[in-house]
Amino acid sequence: MTCWFYIFNSELKKASEILQSINASNPNGVVLTGWIEIMKNTSTSLQQALNIFTESVEKNSSNLELLLGKCVASERLKKFTVTIDSINATIVEFPDFQPALEIKAKVLKLE
């Protein structure tokens, strides 16, 4: 509950520290920490988010939130090759997930 209070009050750094102190190995905590870094929207935090998602995807490639987080972070960093690779992994892992195809079309258009 404390974590949500900090998020809604735009104290993302504090929320990230709380999540990491609770349990950094918890998959949901890792996902949330990565998305908090994406929300900060600075090049440093986006790179940190990409690192978090990349490490986590290597351990667990069947988590949709991890795969999409990696897509978003790499897209915002304009690393389109990484974006395409991760969106392809998403499409293979979750073939019925239609938004993945839309994301891929958007990224291919940007590239």
Protein backbone atom coordinates (compact mmCIF):
# COMPACT_ATOMS: atom_id res chain seq x y z
CA MET A 1 0.00 0.00 0.00
CA THR A 2 2.84 2.39 0.80
CA CYS A 3 4.33 1.70 -2.61
CA TRP A 4 1.13 2.79 -4.42
CA PHE A 5 1.01 5.96 -2.34
CA TYR A 6 4.46 6.92 -3.60
CA ILE A 7 3.65 6.03 -7.21
CA PHE A 8 0.53 8.17 -7.32
CA ASN A 9 2.43 11.06 -5.78
CA SER A 10 5.09 10.88 -8.51
CA GLU A 11 7.81 9.81 -6.13
CA LEU A 12 8.95 7.07 -8.45
CA LYS A 13 12.45 6.82 -7.07
CA LYS A 14 11.12 6.16 -3.57
CA ALA A 15 8.69 3.54 -4.91
CA SER A 16 11.48 1.82 -6.81
CA GLU A 17 13.66 1.70 -3.68
CA ILE A 18 10.78 0.20 -1.67
CA LEU A 19 10.19 -2.48 -4.31
CA GLN A 20 13.85 -3.41 -4.42
CA SER A 21 14.03 -3.62 -0.64
CA ILE A 22 10.94 -5.84 -0.41
CA ASN A 23 12.11 -8.58 -2.73
CA ALA A 24 14.11 -7.95 -5.88
CA SER A 25 13.76 -11.55 -7.02
CA ASN A 26 9.95 -11.51 -6.99
CA PRO A 27 8.89 -11.50 -10.68
CA ASN A 28 6.05 -9.04 -10.08
CA GLY A 29 8.37 -6.70 -8.21
CA VAL A 30 10.88 -6.82 -11.05
CA VAL A 31 8.17 -6.05 -13.61
CA LEU A 32 6.87 -3.13 -11.59
CA THR A 33 10.37 -1.78 -10.99
CA GLY A 34 11.09 -1.89 -14.71
CA TRP A 35 7.85 -0.09 -15.59
CA ILE A 36 8.56 2.56 -12.95
CA GLU A 37 11.92 3.19 -14.63
CA ILE A 38 10.13 3.52 -17.99
CA MET A 39 7.71 6.06 -16.48
CA LYS A 40 10.65 8.27 -15.43
CA ASN A 41 11.36 8.65 -19.17
CA THR A 42 15.01 9.73 -18.99
CA SER A 43 17.69 8.04 -21.06
CA THR A 44 19.39 6.70 -17.94
CA SER A 45 16.20 5.27 -16.48
CA LEU A 46 15.16 3.81 -19.84
CA GLN A 47 18.54 2.08 -20.14
CA GLN A 48 18.15 0.77 -16.61
CA ALA A 49 14.65 -0.50 -17.45
CA LEU A 50 15.98 -2.22 -20.57
CA ASN A 51 18.68 -3.90 -18.48
CA ILE A 52 16.10 -5.04 -15.91
CA PHE A 53 13.79 -6.46 -18.57
CA THR A 54 16.61 -8.08 -20.56
CA GLU A 55 17.96 -9.92 -17.51
CA SER A 56 14.48 -10.99 -16.46
CA VAL A 57 13.46 -12.19 -19.94
CA GLU A 58 16.56 -14.38 -20.06
CA LYS A 59 15.35 -16.09 -16.88
CA ASN A 60 11.63 -16.18 -17.75
CA SER A 61 10.64 -15.64 -21.37
CA SER A 62 7.00 -16.54 -20.80
CA ASN A 63 6.02 -13.36 -18.94
CA LEU A 64 4.08 -10.97 -21.17
CA GLU A 65 4.76 -7.90 -19.01
CA LEU A 66 8.51 -8.50 -19.17
CA LEU A 67 8.49 -8.90 -22.94
CA LEU A 68 6.37 -5.80 -23.49
CA GLY A 69 8.48 -3.80 -21.05
CA LYS A 70 11.59 -4.72 -23.02
CA CYS A 71 9.81 -3.65 -26.23
CA VAL A 72 8.78 -0.28 -24.83
CA ALA A 73 12.15 0.52 -23.24
CA SER A 74 14.12 -0.39 -26.37
CA GLU A 75 11.68 1.51 -28.60
CA ARG A 76 12.02 4.69 -26.54
CA LEU A 77 15.82 4.31 -26.67
CA LYS A 78 15.48 3.94 -30.47
CA LYS A 79 17.09 0.50 -30.38
CA PHE A 80 14.76 -0.86 -33.03
CA THR A 81 16.64 -4.12 -33.62
CA VAL A 82 16.16 -5.05 -29.97
CA THR A 83 12.53 -3.94 -30.18
CA ILE A 84 11.84 -6.14 -33.20
CA ASP A 85 13.58 -9.12 -31.59
CA SER A 86 11.58 -8.79 -28.38
CA ILE A 87 8.27 -8.22 -30.17
CA ASN A 88 8.96 -11.31 -32.31
CA ALA A 89 9.55 -13.28 -29.11
CA THR A 90 6.24 -11.92 -27.79
CA ILE A 91 4.42 -12.99 -30.95
CA VAL A 92 5.92 -16.49 -30.78
CA GLU A 93 5.18 -16.89 -27.08
CA PHE A 94 1.69 -15.34 -27.21
CA PRO A 95 0.31 -15.85 -30.75
CA ASP A 96 -3.23 -14.76 -29.81
CA PHE A 97 -2.05 -11.41 -28.39
CA GLN A 98 -3.12 -9.06 -31.21
CA PRO A 99 -1.52 -5.82 -29.88
CA ALA A 100 1.93 -7.36 -30.44
CA LEU A 101 1.31 -7.35 -34.19
CA GLU A 102 0.20 -3.73 -34.04
CA ILE A 103 3.34 -2.77 -32.12
CA LYS A 104 5.49 -4.59 -34.67
CA ALA A 105 3.81 -2.76 -37.56
CA LYS A 106 4.37 0.59 -35.81
CA VAL A 107 8.04 -0.14 -35.14
CA LEU A 108 8.67 -1.35 -38.69
CA LYS A 109 7.12 1.89 -39.92
CA LEU A 110 9.49 3.92 -37.67
CA GLU A 111 12.58 1.98 -38.64
